[in-house]
Amino acid sequence: ITVPAYFNDAQRKATKEAGEMAGLNVIRIINEPTAAALAYGVDKNIKQGRIAVFDLGGGTFDISILDVSDGVFEVLSTAGDTNLGGDNFDEKIMNYIIDRIQKEHNYDIKNDPRAMQRVKEASEIAKIELSSQTQTEINLPYLFIKPDGTVVDVSLTITRAEFEAMCYDLYDRIKAACNRAIEAANISNVDAVVLVG
């Protein structure tokens, strides 16, 4: 069974007991970064060295520094941000769209749950598209109706450069966690990086 690397002994014991109560034969509790490294076959490619397991998920960010020696993985350090993940990047695009609507239509859509849900979904799609494209189009026909009865369509373009500029504060938070992990591991570099999430 895998657990977050920052789990303490009591949490690990509780996880093992829960597994046993569920009828599982719990052989070992493994740190998630170690499990990720094994799943990616790092043990077959790197026999000696230090690995950074970089896990930026939907809502949390974790980085673990592992030492690999003859197939044995040791967690040297773990750091992260429990309030940082893909959702934060979506939110940057959402805020951009909301601000543009406010400026162009003098309308605040934050009190319109249906419109906000559509903006949220479009923001996540835009983020994904910008990982492989230099720009993306966001088209939201019939997004909302103004108090005077006017139906408003929203169409805009976001470039990767604009998106990256929106996210500088998030990059700083990621960098700070990485620096904390490297400092706690008392190393100056790593031999490989495993991207997870």
N, C-alpha and C. Protein backbone atom coordinates (compact mmCIF):
# COMPACT_ATOMS: atom_id res chain seq x y z
N ILE A 1 0.86 -1.18 0.00
CA ILE A 1 0.00 0.00 0.00
C ILE A 1 0.90 1.23 0.00
N THR A 2 0.55 2.20 -0.83
CA THR A 2 1.34 3.43 -0.87
C THR A 2 0.72 4.49 0.03
N VAL A 3 1.59 5.33 0.59
CA VAL A 3 1.16 6.45 1.43
C VAL A 3 2.01 7.67 1.07
N PRO A 4 1.51 8.87 1.34
CA PRO A 4 2.34 10.06 1.13
C PRO A 4 3.63 9.96 1.94
N ALA A 5 4.71 10.47 1.38
CA ALA A 5 6.01 10.37 2.03
C ALA A 5 6.04 11.10 3.38
N TYR A 6 5.19 12.10 3.54
CA TYR A 6 5.19 12.86 4.79
C TYR A 6 4.36 12.21 5.89
N PHE A 7 3.74 11.04 5.63
CA PHE A 7 2.98 10.34 6.67
C PHE A 7 3.92 9.96 7.82
N ASN A 8 3.43 10.16 9.05
CA ASN A 8 4.23 9.76 10.21
C ASN A 8 3.94 8.30 10.55
N ASP A 9 4.62 7.79 11.59
CA ASP A 9 4.48 6.37 11.95
C ASP A 9 3.05 5.99 12.30
N ALA A 10 2.34 6.87 13.02
CA ALA A 10 0.96 6.58 13.41
C ALA A 10 0.06 6.48 12.18
N GLN A 11 0.26 7.35 11.23
CA GLN A 11 -0.54 7.33 10.00
C GLN A 11 -0.23 6.08 9.18
N ARG A 12 1.03 5.69 9.14
CA ARG A 12 1.41 4.49 8.41
C ARG A 12 0.79 3.25 9.06
N LYS A 13 0.85 3.22 10.40
CA LYS A 13 0.29 2.09 11.13
C LYS A 13 -1.23 2.02 10.92
N ALA A 14 -1.89 3.17 10.95
CA ALA A 14 -3.34 3.20 10.74
C ALA A 14 -3.69 2.73 9.33
N THR A 15 -2.87 3.08 8.37
CA THR A 15 -3.11 2.65 6.98
C THR A 15 -2.96 1.14 6.88
N LYS A 16 -1.92 0.61 7.51
CA LYS A 16 -1.69 -0.84 7.48
C LYS A 16 -2.86 -1.57 8.14
N GLU A 17 -3.30 -1.06 9.29
CA GLU A 17 -4.43 -1.69 9.99
C GLU A 17 -5.71 -1.61 9.17
N ALA A 18 -5.93 -0.50 8.50
CA ALA A 18 -7.13 -0.36 7.66
C ALA A 18 -7.09 -1.38 6.52
N GLY A 19 -5.91 -1.57 5.93
CA GLY A 19 -5.77 -2.56 4.87
C GLY A 19 -6.07 -3.95 5.37
N GLU A 20 -5.55 -4.27 6.56
CA GLU A 20 -5.78 -5.60 7.14
C GLU A 20 -7.25 -5.80 7.48
N MET A 21 -7.91 -4.74 8.00
CA MET A 21 -9.35 -4.84 8.29
C MET A 21 -10.17 -5.04 7.02
N ALA A 22 -9.64 -4.57 5.90
CA ALA A 22 -10.32 -4.74 4.61
C ALA A 22 -10.04 -6.12 4.01
N GLY A 23 -9.24 -6.93 4.73
CA GLY A 23 -8.95 -8.28 4.27
C GLY A 23 -7.71 -8.40 3.40
N LEU A 24 -6.91 -7.36 3.35
CA LEU A 24 -5.68 -7.40 2.55
C LEU A 24 -4.52 -7.94 3.38
N ASN A 25 -3.62 -8.62 2.72
CA ASN A 25 -2.39 -9.06 3.35
C ASN A 25 -1.36 -7.97 3.07
N VAL A 26 -1.23 -7.04 4.02
CA VAL A 26 -0.36 -5.88 3.82
C VAL A 26 1.08 -6.30 4.08
N ILE A 27 1.84 -6.38 3.01
CA ILE A 27 3.23 -6.81 3.12
C ILE A 27 4.12 -5.63 3.49
N ARG A 28 3.83 -4.49 2.87
CA ARG A 28 4.69 -3.33 3.10
C ARG A 28 3.93 -2.05 2.84
N ILE A 29 4.30 -1.00 3.55
CA ILE A 29 3.82 0.35 3.29
C ILE A 29 4.95 1.05 2.54
N ILE A 30 4.62 1.57 1.34
CA ILE A 30 5.64 2.20 0.50
C ILE A 30 5.29 3.67 0.30
N ASN A 31 6.29 4.52 0.37
CA ASN A 31 6.09 5.93 0.09
C ASN A 31 5.65 6.10 -1.36
N GLU A 32 4.71 7.01 -1.60
CA GLU A 32 4.23 7.26 -2.96
C GLU A 32 5.35 7.63 -3.93
N PRO A 33 6.31 8.47 -3.52
CA PRO A 33 7.38 8.78 -4.47
C PRO A 33 8.19 7.55 -4.88
N THR A 34 8.41 6.65 -3.92
CA THR A 34 9.13 5.42 -4.23
C THR A 34 8.32 4.57 -5.19
N ALA A 35 7.01 4.47 -4.92
CA ALA A 35 6.14 3.69 -5.80
C ALA A 35 6.11 4.28 -7.21
N ALA A 36 6.07 5.61 -7.29
CA ALA A 36 6.07 6.27 -8.61
C ALA A 36 7.37 5.97 -9.35
N ALA A 37 8.48 6.08 -8.64
CA ALA A 37 9.78 5.80 -9.26
C ALA A 37 9.86 4.37 -9.76
N LEU A 38 9.36 3.43 -8.96
CA LEU A 38 9.35 2.03 -9.37
C LEU A 38 8.42 1.81 -10.56
N ALA A 39 7.26 2.46 -10.54
CA ALA A 39 6.29 2.30 -11.63
C ALA A 39 6.87 2.81 -12.95
N TYR A 40 7.71 3.82 -12.88
CA TYR A 40 8.33 4.35 -14.09
C TYR A 40 9.59 3.60 -14.47
N GLY A 41 9.94 2.57 -13.72
CA GLY A 41 11.09 1.75 -14.06
C GLY A 41 12.42 2.38 -13.76
N VAL A 42 12.44 3.33 -12.84
CA VAL A 42 13.69 4.01 -12.51
C VAL A 42 14.72 3.02 -11.98
N ASP A 43 14.27 2.01 -11.24
CA ASP A 43 15.20 1.04 -10.68
C ASP A 43 15.93 0.25 -11.76
N LYS A 44 15.36 0.17 -12.96
CA LYS A 44 16.01 -0.55 -14.06
C LYS A 44 17.02 0.33 -14.79
N ASN A 45 16.79 1.66 -14.75
CA ASN A 45 17.64 2.59 -15.48
C ASN A 45 18.74 3.21 -14.62
N ILE A 46 18.46 3.37 -13.34
CA ILE A 46 19.43 4.02 -12.45
C ILE A 46 19.73 3.06 -11.30
N LYS A 47 20.97 2.61 -11.24
CA LYS A 47 21.36 1.69 -10.16
C LYS A 47 21.89 2.45 -8.95
N GLN A 48 22.49 3.60 -9.18
CA GLN A 48 23.03 4.46 -8.13
C GLN A 48 22.66 5.89 -8.48
N GLY A 49 22.24 6.65 -7.51
CA GLY A 49 22.02 8.06 -7.77
C GLY A 49 20.88 8.64 -6.97
N ARG A 50 20.66 9.91 -7.22
CA ARG A 50 19.59 10.64 -6.53
C ARG A 50 18.52 11.04 -7.54
N ILE A 51 17.28 10.83 -7.15
CA ILE A 51 16.15 11.09 -8.03
C ILE A 51 15.21 12.07 -7.35
N ALA A 52 14.74 13.04 -8.11
CA ALA A 52 13.68 13.94 -7.63
C ALA A 52 12.37 13.45 -8.23
N VAL A 53 11.40 13.13 -7.38
CA VAL A 53 10.07 12.74 -7.85
C VAL A 53 9.19 13.97 -7.68
N PHE A 54 8.80 14.55 -8.81
CA PHE A 54 8.09 15.82 -8.89
C PHE A 54 6.63 15.50 -9.18
N ASP A 55 5.74 15.70 -8.21
CA ASP A 55 4.34 15.31 -8.33
C ASP A 55 3.45 16.54 -8.18
N LEU A 56 3.06 17.09 -9.32
CA LEU A 56 2.14 18.23 -9.33
C LEU A 56 0.79 17.71 -9.78
N GLY A 57 -0.07 17.47 -8.80
CA GLY A 57 -1.38 16.91 -9.09
C GLY A 57 -2.44 17.99 -9.23
N GLY A 58 -3.68 17.59 -9.11
CA GLY A 58 -4.78 18.54 -9.27
C GLY A 58 -4.86 19.57 -8.18
N GLY A 59 -4.56 19.15 -6.94
CA GLY A 59 -4.71 20.08 -5.83
C GLY A 59 -3.52 20.19 -4.92
N THR A 60 -2.53 19.31 -5.09
CA THR A 60 -1.35 19.36 -4.21
C THR A 60 -0.07 19.20 -5.02
N PHE A 61 1.02 19.66 -4.42
CA PHE A 61 2.33 19.51 -5.03
C PHE A 61 3.27 18.89 -4.01
N ASP A 62 3.97 17.84 -4.42
CA ASP A 62 4.96 17.19 -3.58
C ASP A 62 6.22 16.96 -4.39
N ILE A 63 7.34 17.14 -3.73
CA ILE A 63 8.62 16.75 -4.33
C ILE A 63 9.36 15.94 -3.30
N SER A 64 9.89 14.81 -3.72
CA SER A 64 10.68 13.95 -2.85
C SER A 64 12.02 13.70 -3.51
N ILE A 65 13.05 13.71 -2.69
CA ILE A 65 14.38 13.38 -3.17
C ILE A 65 14.69 11.98 -2.67
N LEU A 66 14.96 11.07 -3.60
CA LEU A 66 15.24 9.68 -3.26
C LEU A 66 16.70 9.36 -3.58
N ASP A 67 17.26 8.51 -2.76
CA ASP A 67 18.59 7.98 -3.03
C ASP A 67 18.42 6.52 -3.44
N VAL A 68 18.96 6.17 -4.61
CA VAL A 68 18.86 4.80 -5.10
C VAL A 68 20.24 4.17 -5.00
N SER A 69 20.29 3.02 -4.35
CA SER A 69 21.56 2.31 -4.22
C SER A 69 21.29 0.82 -4.32
N ASP A 70 21.72 0.21 -5.41
CA ASP A 70 21.54 -1.23 -5.64
C ASP A 70 20.08 -1.66 -5.49
N GLY A 71 19.18 -0.89 -6.08
CA GLY A 71 17.76 -1.24 -6.06
C GLY A 71 17.03 -0.86 -4.79
N VAL A 72 17.73 -0.28 -3.81
CA VAL A 72 17.10 0.13 -2.56
C VAL A 72 16.83 1.63 -2.63
N PHE A 73 15.60 2.02 -2.35
CA PHE A 73 15.19 3.43 -2.40
C PHE A 73 15.12 3.96 -0.97
N GLU A 74 15.73 5.11 -0.75
CA GLU A 74 15.63 5.79 0.54
C GLU A 74 15.15 7.21 0.30
N VAL A 75 14.11 7.63 1.02
CA VAL A 75 13.62 9.00 0.90
C VAL A 75 14.54 9.90 1.71
N LEU A 76 15.24 10.81 1.02
CA LEU A 76 16.13 11.74 1.71
C LEU A 76 15.38 12.95 2.24
N SER A 77 14.40 13.40 1.48
CA SER A 77 13.60 14.55 1.93
C SER A 77 12.31 14.62 1.14
N THR A 78 11.37 15.34 1.73
CA THR A 78 10.08 15.58 1.09
C THR A 78 9.68 17.01 1.39
N ALA A 79 9.14 17.68 0.40
CA ALA A 79 8.61 19.02 0.59
C ALA A 79 7.42 19.17 -0.34
N GLY A 80 6.74 20.27 -0.22
CA GLY A 80 5.62 20.49 -1.12
C GLY A 80 4.73 21.61 -0.64
N ASP A 81 3.55 21.64 -1.25
CA ASP A 81 2.57 22.66 -0.95
C ASP A 81 1.21 21.99 -1.08
N THR A 82 0.51 21.84 0.03
CA THR A 82 -0.77 21.12 0.00
C THR A 82 -1.88 21.96 -0.62
N ASN A 83 -1.59 23.21 -0.95
CA ASN A 83 -2.58 24.08 -1.58
C ASN A 83 -2.11 24.56 -2.94
N LEU A 84 -1.40 23.72 -3.66
CA LEU A 84 -0.89 24.09 -4.98
C LEU A 84 -1.03 22.91 -5.92
N GLY A 85 -1.70 23.13 -7.03
CA GLY A 85 -1.85 22.06 -8.01
C GLY A 85 -2.43 22.60 -9.30
N GLY A 86 -2.86 21.71 -10.14
CA GLY A 86 -3.41 22.09 -11.43
C GLY A 86 -4.59 23.02 -11.32
N ASP A 87 -5.37 22.88 -10.25
CA ASP A 87 -6.52 23.76 -10.04
C ASP A 87 -6.10 25.22 -9.98
N ASN A 88 -4.92 25.48 -9.39
CA ASN A 88 -4.44 26.86 -9.30
C ASN A 88 -4.14 27.44 -10.68
N PHE A 89 -3.64 26.60 -11.58
CA PHE A 89 -3.34 27.06 -12.94
C PHE A 89 -4.65 27.31 -13.69
N ASP A 90 -5.66 26.44 -13.48
CA ASP A 90 -6.98 26.67 -14.07
C ASP A 90 -7.54 28.01 -13.59
N GLU A 91 -7.38 28.26 -12.31
CA GLU A 91 -7.91 29.47 -11.69
C GLU A 91 -7.31 30.74 -12.31
N LYS A 92 -6.05 30.67 -12.70
CA LYS A 92 -5.41 31.82 -13.35
C LYS A 92 -6.13 32.17 -14.64
N ILE A 93 -6.46 31.15 -15.43
CA ILE A 93 -7.18 31.39 -16.69
C ILE A 93 -8.60 31.85 -16.39
N MET A 94 -9.24 31.23 -15.40
CA MET A 94 -10.59 31.65 -15.02
C MET A 94 -10.62 33.13 -14.68
N ASN A 95 -9.69 33.57 -13.85
CA ASN A 95 -9.65 34.97 -13.45
C ASN A 95 -9.42 35.89 -14.64
N TYR A 96 -8.60 35.43 -15.58
CA TYR A 96 -8.35 36.19 -16.79
C TYR A 96 -9.66 36.38 -17.58
N ILE A 97 -10.40 35.30 -17.74
CA ILE A 97 -11.67 35.36 -18.48
C ILE A 97 -12.66 36.26 -17.75
N ILE A 98 -12.77 36.08 -16.43
CA ILE A 98 -13.71 36.89 -15.64
C ILE A 98 -13.36 38.37 -15.75
N ASP A 99 -12.07 38.69 -15.67
CA ASP A 99 -11.64 40.09 -15.79
C ASP A 99 -11.96 40.65 -17.17
N ARG A 100 -11.72 39.86 -18.22
CA ARG A 100 -12.02 40.33 -19.57
C ARG A 100 -13.53 40.59 -19.74
N ILE A 101 -14.35 39.70 -19.20
CA ILE A 101 -15.81 39.89 -19.29
C ILE A 101 -16.21 41.16 -18.55
N GLN A 102 -15.62 41.37 -17.38
CA GLN A 102 -15.92 42.57 -16.59
C GLN A 102 -15.56 43.84 -17.38
N LYS A 103 -14.39 43.82 -18.01
CA LYS A 103 -13.93 45.00 -18.76
C LYS A 103 -14.75 45.23 -20.03
N GLU A 104 -14.99 44.16 -20.77
CA GLU A 104 -15.65 44.30 -22.07
C GLU A 104 -17.17 44.42 -21.99
N HIS A 105 -17.77 43.82 -20.96
CA HIS A 105 -19.24 43.81 -20.89
C HIS A 105 -19.78 44.44 -19.61
N ASN A 106 -18.87 44.91 -18.76
CA ASN A 106 -19.27 45.52 -17.48
C ASN A 106 -20.25 44.61 -16.74
N TYR A 107 -19.88 43.33 -16.67
CA TYR A 107 -20.76 42.33 -16.05
C TYR A 107 -19.91 41.37 -15.23
N ASP A 108 -20.33 41.11 -14.00
CA ASP A 108 -19.63 40.19 -13.11
C ASP A 108 -20.35 38.85 -13.13
N ILE A 109 -19.70 37.83 -13.70
CA ILE A 109 -20.36 36.52 -13.82
C ILE A 109 -20.19 35.64 -12.57
N LYS A 110 -19.50 36.14 -11.55
CA LYS A 110 -19.23 35.30 -10.37
C LYS A 110 -20.48 34.82 -9.67
N ASN A 111 -21.60 35.52 -9.85
CA ASN A 111 -22.85 35.11 -9.21
C ASN A 111 -23.72 34.25 -10.11
N ASP A 112 -23.17 33.82 -11.24
CA ASP A 112 -23.90 32.99 -12.19
C ASP A 112 -23.25 31.60 -12.20
N PRO A 113 -23.78 30.64 -11.41
CA PRO A 113 -23.13 29.33 -11.29
C PRO A 113 -22.97 28.59 -12.63
N ARG A 114 -23.95 28.70 -13.51
CA ARG A 114 -23.87 27.99 -14.80
C ARG A 114 -22.73 28.57 -15.64
N ALA A 115 -22.66 29.88 -15.70
CA ALA A 115 -21.59 30.53 -16.47
C ALA A 115 -20.23 30.23 -15.86
N MET A 116 -20.15 30.25 -14.55
CA MET A 116 -18.88 29.97 -13.88
C MET A 116 -18.42 28.54 -14.14
N GLN A 117 -19.34 27.59 -14.17
CA GLN A 117 -18.99 26.20 -14.45
C GLN A 117 -18.44 26.08 -15.87
N ARG A 118 -19.05 26.76 -16.81
CA ARG A 118 -18.56 26.72 -18.19
C ARG A 118 -17.18 27.37 -18.31
N VAL A 119 -16.96 28.47 -17.58
CA VAL A 119 -15.66 29.14 -17.60
C VAL A 119 -14.61 28.22 -16.97
N LYS A 120 -14.97 27.54 -15.90
CA LYS A 120 -14.04 26.61 -15.23
C LYS A 120 -13.63 25.49 -16.19
N GLU A 121 -14.60 24.88 -16.85
CA GLU A 121 -14.30 23.79 -17.78
C GLU A 121 -13.45 24.28 -18.95
N ALA A 122 -13.77 25.45 -19.48
CA ALA A 122 -13.00 26.01 -20.59
C ALA A 122 -11.57 26.34 -20.16
N SER A 123 -11.41 26.77 -18.92
CA SER A 123 -10.08 27.11 -18.41
C SER A 123 -9.20 25.88 -18.33
N GLU A 124 -9.75 24.77 -17.86
CA GLU A 124 -8.96 23.54 -17.77
C GLU A 124 -8.56 23.05 -19.17
N ILE A 125 -9.48 23.13 -20.10
CA ILE A 125 -9.17 22.71 -21.48
C ILE A 125 -8.09 23.61 -22.06
N ALA A 126 -8.19 24.92 -21.82
CA ALA A 126 -7.18 25.86 -22.33
C ALA A 126 -5.81 25.55 -21.75
N LYS A 127 -5.77 25.26 -20.45
CA LYS A 127 -4.49 24.92 -19.80
C LYS A 127 -3.87 23.71 -20.47
N ILE A 128 -4.66 22.69 -20.70
CA ILE A 128 -4.16 21.47 -21.33
C ILE A 128 -3.66 21.76 -22.75
N GLU A 129 -4.44 22.53 -23.50
CA GLU A 129 -4.03 22.85 -24.87
C GLU A 129 -2.73 23.65 -24.89
N LEU A 130 -2.55 24.55 -23.93
CA LEU A 130 -1.35 25.38 -23.90
C LEU A 130 -0.09 24.59 -23.52
N SER A 131 -0.25 23.36 -23.08
CA SER A 131 0.93 22.54 -22.80
C SER A 131 1.57 22.03 -24.09
N SER A 132 0.82 22.05 -25.19
CA SER A 132 1.37 21.57 -26.45
C SER A 132 1.21 22.55 -27.61
N GLN A 133 0.54 23.68 -27.35
CA GLN A 133 0.32 24.68 -28.40
C GLN A 133 0.79 26.04 -27.89
N THR A 134 1.06 26.95 -28.82
CA THR A 134 1.52 28.29 -28.42
C THR A 134 0.37 29.23 -28.12
N GLN A 135 -0.85 28.86 -28.51
CA GLN A 135 -2.02 29.66 -28.15
C GLN A 135 -3.26 28.80 -28.23
N THR A 136 -4.32 29.28 -27.61
CA THR A 136 -5.58 28.54 -27.63
C THR A 136 -6.74 29.52 -27.72
N GLU A 137 -7.81 29.07 -28.33
CA GLU A 137 -9.03 29.86 -28.46
C GLU A 137 -10.03 29.38 -27.41
N ILE A 138 -10.65 30.32 -26.74
CA ILE A 138 -11.72 29.98 -25.80
C ILE A 138 -13.00 30.57 -26.37
N ASN A 139 -13.95 29.71 -26.70
CA ASN A 139 -15.23 30.14 -27.25
C ASN A 139 -16.35 29.65 -26.35
N LEU A 140 -17.10 30.60 -25.82
CA LEU A 140 -18.21 30.27 -24.93
C LEU A 140 -19.48 30.97 -25.44
N PRO A 141 -20.15 30.34 -26.41
CA PRO A 141 -21.38 30.97 -26.92
C PRO A 141 -22.48 30.96 -25.87
N TYR A 142 -23.28 31.99 -25.88
CA TYR A 142 -24.42 32.11 -24.96
C TYR A 142 -24.00 31.92 -23.50
N LEU A 143 -22.90 32.58 -23.14
CA LEU A 143 -22.38 32.37 -21.78
C LEU A 143 -23.29 32.95 -20.72
N PHE A 144 -23.85 34.14 -20.98
CA PHE A 144 -24.75 34.73 -19.99
C PHE A 144 -25.67 35.73 -20.67
N ILE A 145 -26.69 36.13 -19.92
CA ILE A 145 -27.65 37.13 -20.41
C ILE A 145 -27.55 38.34 -19.49
N LYS A 146 -27.31 39.49 -20.08
CA LYS A 146 -27.22 40.73 -19.32
C LYS A 146 -28.61 41.12 -18.80
N PRO A 147 -28.65 41.96 -17.78
CA PRO A 147 -29.95 42.38 -17.25
C PRO A 147 -30.89 42.99 -18.30
N ASP A 148 -30.32 43.59 -19.36
CA ASP A 148 -31.18 44.17 -20.41
C ASP A 148 -31.66 43.13 -21.42
N GLY A 149 -31.32 41.84 -21.20
CA GLY A 149 -31.77 40.76 -22.07
C GLY A 149 -30.81 40.39 -23.18
N THR A 150 -29.68 41.08 -23.28
CA THR A 150 -28.69 40.79 -24.31
C THR A 150 -27.95 39.50 -24.00
N VAL A 151 -27.95 38.60 -24.97
CA VAL A 151 -27.20 37.34 -24.82
C VAL A 151 -25.75 37.62 -25.21
N VAL A 152 -24.82 37.18 -24.37
CA VAL A 152 -23.40 37.47 -24.60
C VAL A 152 -22.63 36.19 -24.90
N ASP A 153 -21.92 36.23 -26.04
CA ASP A 153 -20.98 35.19 -26.41
C ASP A 153 -19.59 35.70 -26.02
N VAL A 154 -18.75 34.81 -25.54
CA VAL A 154 -17.39 35.19 -25.19
C VAL A 154 -16.43 34.38 -26.06
N SER A 155 -15.50 35.11 -26.67
CA SER A 155 -14.48 34.47 -27.50
C SER A 155 -13.18 35.22 -27.28
N LEU A 156 -12.15 34.51 -26.94
CA LEU A 156 -10.85 35.15 -26.73
C LEU A 156 -9.73 34.16 -26.97
N THR A 157 -8.54 34.71 -27.13
CA THR A 157 -7.34 33.91 -27.37
C THR A 157 -6.37 34.15 -26.21
N ILE A 158 -5.75 33.08 -25.76
CA ILE A 158 -4.69 33.18 -24.75
C ILE A 158 -3.46 32.51 -25.33
N THR A 159 -2.33 33.20 -25.25
CA THR A 159 -1.08 32.61 -25.71
C THR A 159 -0.39 31.92 -24.55
N ARG A 160 0.51 31.03 -24.89
CA ARG A 160 1.28 30.35 -23.84
C ARG A 160 2.09 31.37 -23.05
N ALA A 161 2.65 32.37 -23.72
CA ALA A 161 3.43 33.40 -23.03
C ALA A 161 2.56 34.17 -22.03
N GLU A 162 1.33 34.49 -22.40
CA GLU A 162 0.42 35.18 -21.47
C GLU A 162 0.11 34.29 -20.27
N PHE A 163 -0.15 33.02 -20.56
CA PHE A 163 -0.47 32.08 -19.48
C PHE A 163 0.72 31.92 -18.53
N GLU A 164 1.91 31.79 -19.08
CA GLU A 164 3.10 31.65 -18.23
C GLU A 164 3.29 32.89 -17.37
N ALA A 165 3.05 34.06 -17.94
CA ALA A 165 3.18 35.31 -17.16
C ALA A 165 2.17 35.35 -16.02
N MET A 166 0.97 34.81 -16.25
CA MET A 166 -0.06 34.77 -15.20
C MET A 166 0.38 33.89 -14.02
N CYS A 167 1.23 32.93 -14.30
CA CYS A 167 1.54 31.88 -13.33
C CYS A 167 2.86 32.05 -12.59
N TYR A 168 3.54 33.19 -12.74
CA TYR A 168 4.85 33.37 -12.11
C TYR A 168 4.82 33.11 -10.61
N ASP A 169 3.77 33.55 -9.91
CA ASP A 169 3.72 33.32 -8.47
C ASP A 169 3.62 31.83 -8.14
N LEU A 170 2.95 31.06 -9.01
CA LEU A 170 2.85 29.61 -8.79
C LEU A 170 4.20 28.96 -9.01
N TYR A 171 4.94 29.42 -10.04
CA TYR A 171 6.28 28.88 -10.29
C TYR A 171 7.19 29.16 -9.10
N ASP A 172 7.06 30.35 -8.51
CA ASP A 172 7.88 30.68 -7.34
C ASP A 172 7.59 29.74 -6.18
N ARG A 173 6.31 29.39 -5.99
CA ARG A 173 5.95 28.45 -4.92
C ARG A 173 6.52 27.05 -5.19
N ILE A 174 6.49 26.62 -6.45
CA ILE A 174 7.07 25.33 -6.82
C ILE A 174 8.57 25.34 -6.57
N LYS A 175 9.22 26.41 -7.03
CA LYS A 175 10.67 26.53 -6.86
C LYS A 175 11.05 26.52 -5.38
N ALA A 176 10.29 27.22 -4.55
CA ALA A 176 10.59 27.27 -3.12
C ALA A 176 10.52 25.87 -2.50
N ALA A 177 9.51 25.09 -2.87
CA ALA A 177 9.39 23.72 -2.35
C ALA A 177 10.55 22.85 -2.83
N CYS A 178 10.92 22.99 -4.09
CA CYS A 178 12.06 22.22 -4.62
C CYS A 178 13.34 22.57 -3.87
N ASN A 179 13.55 23.86 -3.63
CA ASN A 179 14.74 24.29 -2.89
C ASN A 179 14.74 23.74 -1.47
N ARG A 180 13.55 23.72 -0.82
CA ARG A 180 13.47 23.16 0.54
C ARG A 180 13.83 21.68 0.53
N ALA A 181 13.36 20.94 -0.47
CA ALA A 181 13.64 19.51 -0.55
C ALA A 181 15.13 19.26 -0.77
N ILE A 182 15.73 20.02 -1.66
CA ILE A 182 17.16 19.85 -1.94
C ILE A 182 17.99 20.21 -0.71
N GLU A 183 17.60 21.30 -0.05
CA GLU A 183 18.32 21.72 1.16
C GLU A 183 18.18 20.67 2.27
N ALA A 184 16.96 20.15 2.45
CA ALA A 184 16.74 19.14 3.50
C ALA A 184 17.49 17.85 3.21
N ALA A 185 17.65 17.52 1.93
CA ALA A 185 18.39 16.31 1.54
C ALA A 185 19.89 16.53 1.63
N ASN A 186 20.29 17.78 1.78
CA ASN A 186 21.71 18.15 1.89
C ASN A 186 22.50 17.71 0.66
N ILE A 187 21.92 18.03 -0.52
CA ILE A 187 22.58 17.72 -1.78
C ILE A 187 22.58 18.99 -2.65
N SER A 188 23.35 18.94 -3.72
CA SER A 188 23.39 20.11 -4.62
C SER A 188 22.74 19.82 -5.97
N ASN A 189 22.57 18.55 -6.32
CA ASN A 189 21.94 18.21 -7.60
C ASN A 189 21.34 16.81 -7.55
N VAL A 190 20.58 16.49 -8.59
CA VAL A 190 19.99 15.16 -8.71
C VAL A 190 20.42 14.57 -10.06
N ASP A 191 20.32 13.24 -10.16
CA ASP A 191 20.71 12.55 -11.38
C ASP A 191 19.56 12.37 -12.35
N ALA A 192 18.33 12.41 -11.83
CA ALA A 192 17.15 12.21 -12.68
C ALA A 192 15.94 12.84 -12.03
N VAL A 193 14.98 13.19 -12.85
CA VAL A 193 13.71 13.73 -12.37
C VAL A 193 12.59 12.87 -12.93
N VAL A 194 11.68 12.43 -12.05
CA VAL A 194 10.50 11.68 -12.47
C VAL A 194 9.31 12.62 -12.29
N LEU A 195 8.61 12.89 -13.39
CA LEU A 195 7.43 13.75 -13.35
C LEU A 195 6.20 12.90 -13.17
N VAL A 196 5.41 13.20 -12.14
CA VAL A 196 4.22 12.44 -11.82
C VAL A 196 3.06 13.42 -11.72
N GLY A 197 1.84 12.96 -11.95
CA GLY A 197 0.68 13.83 -11.72
C GLY A 197 0.13 14.41 -13.00
